């Protein structure tokens, strides 16, 4: 589990589930898939982390405009 504010910002209740607090960079490294739950205002801050990750649209290329981080 990662938080843009760092591992210490992950709520203790989350860690009680067995999750491990890591940096955002550790969380996305060498992953085949990443699920994001982020406030709208921080997407631009994370764009660099995903620059080398291929976008998988699941056969729905019309969604690219909605999820592009560089807009």
Protein backbone atom coordinates (compact mmCIF):
# COMPACT_ATOMS: atom_id res chain seq x y z
CA UNK A 1 0.00 0.00 0.00
CA UNK A 2 1.40 3.36 -0.97
CA UNK A 3 0.48 6.91 -0.15
CA UNK A 4 1.86 9.89 -2.08
CA UNK A 5 2.83 11.37 1.31
CA UNK A 6 5.02 8.36 2.10
CA UNK A 7 4.73 5.00 3.91
CA UNK A 8 4.17 6.61 7.32
CA UNK A 9 0.94 8.16 6.02
CA UNK A 10 -0.72 4.76 5.47
CA UNK A 11 -3.39 4.37 8.14
CA UNK A 12 -2.70 1.76 10.84
CA UNK A 13 -6.10 0.16 10.16
CA UNK A 14 -4.96 -0.58 6.59
CA UNK A 15 -1.82 -2.29 7.84
CA UNK A 16 -3.89 -4.48 10.17
CA UNK A 17 -5.27 -6.20 7.05
CA UNK A 18 -1.80 -7.50 6.21
CA UNK A 19 -0.93 -4.73 3.77
CA UNK A 20 2.64 -3.43 3.79
CA UNK A 21 3.42 0.29 3.60
CA UNK A 22 5.86 1.16 0.80
CA UNK A 23 6.82 4.17 -1.29
CA UNK A 24 4.85 4.94 -4.43
CA UNK A 25 7.93 4.07 -6.50
CA UNK A 26 8.21 0.63 -4.83
CA UNK A 27 4.51 0.02 -5.29
CA UNK A 28 4.56 0.35 -9.10
CA UNK A 29 7.99 -1.16 -9.84
CA UNK A 30 7.88 -4.34 -11.97
CA UNK A 31 4.08 -4.67 -11.78
CA UNK A 32 1.88 -6.00 -14.56
CA UNK A 33 -1.13 -4.07 -13.28
CA UNK A 34 -1.66 -1.15 -10.93
CA UNK A 35 -4.99 -0.04 -9.50
CA UNK A 36 -5.16 3.62 -8.57
CA UNK A 37 -7.49 5.34 -6.16
CA UNK A 38 -6.36 8.94 -6.20
CA UNK A 39 -7.89 12.36 -5.70
CA UNK A 40 -8.34 14.18 -9.01
CA UNK A 41 -5.85 16.90 -8.09
CA UNK A 42 -2.78 14.65 -7.77
CA UNK A 43 -2.84 12.75 -11.08
CA UNK A 44 -0.32 15.16 -12.61
CA UNK A 45 2.13 14.50 -9.75
CA UNK A 46 2.07 10.77 -10.55
CA UNK A 47 2.39 10.99 -14.34
CA UNK A 48 6.17 10.44 -14.32
CA UNK A 49 5.80 7.15 -12.46
CA UNK A 50 3.71 5.73 -15.26
CA UNK A 51 5.56 7.16 -18.27
CA UNK A 52 7.02 3.75 -19.19
CA UNK A 53 3.91 1.70 -18.38
CA UNK A 54 1.99 0.59 -21.48
CA UNK A 55 -1.66 1.63 -21.41
CA UNK A 56 -4.01 -1.34 -21.59
CA UNK A 57 -7.41 -0.22 -22.74
CA UNK A 58 -9.18 -3.58 -22.69
CA UNK A 59 -10.44 -2.97 -26.21
CA UNK A 60 -11.89 0.40 -25.28
CA UNK A 61 -9.57 3.02 -26.83
CA UNK A 62 -12.23 5.71 -26.32
CA UNK A 63 -11.30 5.65 -22.61
CA UNK A 64 -7.78 6.96 -23.26
CA UNK A 65 -8.88 10.59 -23.13
CA UNK A 66 -10.50 10.05 -19.75
CA UNK A 67 -7.51 8.38 -18.09
CA UNK A 68 -4.54 10.08 -19.75
CA UNK A 69 -2.29 11.54 -17.06
CA UNK A 70 -0.57 14.08 -19.25
CA UNK A 71 -3.62 16.19 -20.09
